[in-house]
Amino acid sequence: MEKPGELRGESIGALFSRLIDRARDVLRAEVTYYRETATAKVTGLVKPAVLGFVALMFVQASLTVLVVTIGIVLGRWLGAAAGLFAAVAAGLLIAALLGWIAMRLATGKK
């Protein structure tokens, strides 16, 4: 029977070799685990991401139609060019305001 701490007749080099082999096996198993976990998470997000992108495209198209409609309505009072210019200016002003708010939130300023 072996006593704890006995080398079982193996040299130090053989023990280190076995230790390195086991460490490689553990590292490969860890890498495989994390790769499979990440792949499973990404695979589950592909369809929602595509649907979200398509939804954003519909929102953008709807906002474009809204701006043009406002321009046409304003065109009755201001003239066609002035009405469309006013609608585009209002849309750009709203975009600038939202961008400014986003920058303030991103930098932590209130």
Protein backbone atom coordinates (compact mmCIF):
# COMPACT_ATOMS: atom_id res chain seq x y z
CA MET A 1 0.00 0.00 0.00
CA GLU A 2 1.25 3.44 -0.88
CA LYS A 3 1.76 6.12 1.65
CA PRO A 4 0.48 9.62 0.91
CA GLY A 5 3.18 11.65 -0.78
CA GLU A 6 4.89 8.61 -2.30
CA LEU A 7 5.83 8.94 -5.97
CA ARG A 8 4.78 5.37 -6.94
CA GLY A 9 8.07 4.90 -8.71
CA GLU A 10 7.51 7.75 -11.18
CA SER A 11 10.10 10.37 -11.81
CA ILE A 12 9.45 14.06 -11.27
CA GLY A 13 9.54 14.60 -15.04
CA ALA A 14 6.84 11.97 -15.58
CA LEU A 15 4.68 13.53 -12.88
CA PHE A 16 5.02 16.99 -14.44
CA SER A 17 4.26 15.53 -17.86
CA ARG A 18 1.09 13.90 -16.51
CA LEU A 19 0.16 17.16 -14.74
CA ILE A 20 0.56 19.15 -17.96
CA ASP A 21 -1.51 16.60 -19.89
CA ARG A 22 -4.32 16.79 -17.36
CA ALA A 23 -4.17 20.59 -17.33
CA ARG A 24 -4.48 20.60 -21.15
CA ASP A 25 -7.48 18.30 -20.92
CA VAL A 26 -9.14 20.54 -18.36
CA LEU A 27 -8.39 23.65 -20.43
CA ARG A 28 -9.82 22.05 -23.58
CA ALA A 29 -12.95 21.06 -21.67
CA GLU A 30 -13.37 24.60 -20.33
CA VAL A 31 -12.89 26.17 -23.77
CA THR A 32 -15.38 23.73 -25.28
CA TYR A 33 -17.91 24.47 -22.54
CA TYR A 34 -17.67 28.25 -22.97
CA ARG A 35 -17.75 27.97 -26.77
CA GLU A 36 -20.91 25.84 -26.64
CA THR A 37 -22.52 28.16 -24.10
CA ALA A 38 -21.79 31.24 -26.22
CA THR A 39 -23.01 29.53 -29.38
CA ALA A 40 -26.27 28.55 -27.70
CA LYS A 41 -26.85 32.11 -26.49
CA VAL A 42 -26.07 33.68 -29.88
CA THR A 43 -28.19 31.15 -31.75
CA GLY A 44 -31.15 32.05 -29.57
CA LEU A 45 -30.73 35.76 -30.36
CA VAL A 46 -30.51 35.62 -34.16
CA LYS A 47 -34.23 35.56 -34.93
CA PRO A 48 -35.16 38.28 -32.40
CA ALA A 49 -32.35 40.48 -33.73
CA VAL A 50 -33.53 40.10 -37.32
CA LEU A 51 -37.14 40.78 -36.36
CA GLY A 52 -36.07 43.81 -34.31
CA PHE A 53 -34.12 45.18 -37.27
CA VAL A 54 -37.11 44.73 -39.58
CA ALA A 55 -39.32 46.46 -37.02
CA LEU A 56 -36.91 49.40 -36.89
CA MET A 57 -37.04 49.66 -40.68
CA PHE A 58 -40.84 49.86 -40.53
CA VAL A 59 -40.62 52.55 -37.85
CA GLN A 60 -38.18 54.53 -39.99
CA ALA A 61 -40.45 54.21 -43.04
CA SER A 62 -43.46 55.33 -41.01
CA LEU A 63 -41.59 58.35 -39.66
CA THR A 64 -40.57 59.29 -43.19
CA VAL A 65 -44.20 59.16 -44.32
CA LEU A 66 -45.19 61.25 -41.28
CA VAL A 67 -42.62 63.95 -42.06
CA VAL A 68 -43.71 64.08 -45.71
CA THR A 69 -47.37 64.28 -44.67
CA ILE A 70 -46.63 67.13 -42.27
CA GLY A 71 -44.72 68.85 -45.07
CA ILE A 72 -47.67 68.50 -47.43
CA VAL A 73 -50.09 69.84 -44.81
CA LEU A 74 -47.79 72.78 -44.05
CA GLY A 75 -47.41 73.30 -47.78
CA ARG A 76 -51.03 74.43 -47.98
CA TRP A 77 -50.23 77.44 -45.76
CA LEU A 78 -46.57 78.07 -46.47
CA GLY A 79 -46.14 76.82 -50.01
CA ALA A 80 -44.86 73.41 -51.11
CA ALA A 81 -41.12 74.04 -50.71
CA ALA A 82 -41.43 75.93 -47.43
CA GLY A 83 -43.77 73.32 -45.97
CA LEU A 84 -41.44 70.45 -46.78
CA PHE A 85 -38.46 72.43 -45.51
CA ALA A 86 -40.27 73.16 -42.23
CA ALA A 87 -41.17 69.48 -41.80
CA VAL A 88 -37.59 68.34 -42.49
CA ALA A 89 -36.22 71.03 -40.15
CA ALA A 90 -38.58 69.87 -37.39
CA GLY A 91 -37.51 66.25 -37.92
CA LEU A 92 -33.82 67.17 -37.79
CA LEU A 93 -34.42 69.27 -34.66
CA ILE A 94 -36.07 66.31 -32.95
CA ALA A 95 -33.19 64.02 -34.03
CA ALA A 96 -30.62 66.52 -32.71
CA LEU A 97 -32.47 66.80 -29.40
CA LEU A 98 -32.62 63.02 -28.99
CA GLY A 99 -28.92 62.75 -29.90
CA TRP A 100 -28.04 65.41 -27.34
CA ILE A 101 -30.05 63.57 -24.65
CA ALA A 102 -28.34 60.28 -25.59
CA MET A 103 -24.88 61.88 -25.30
CA ARG A 104 -25.74 63.35 -21.91
CA LEU A 105 -26.93 59.95 -20.68
CA ALA A 106 -23.88 58.19 -22.12
CA THR A 107 -21.44 60.55 -20.40
CA GLY A 108 -23.31 60.43 -17.10
CA LYS A 109 -24.31 64.09 -17.06
CA LYS A 110 -27.84 64.94 -15.98
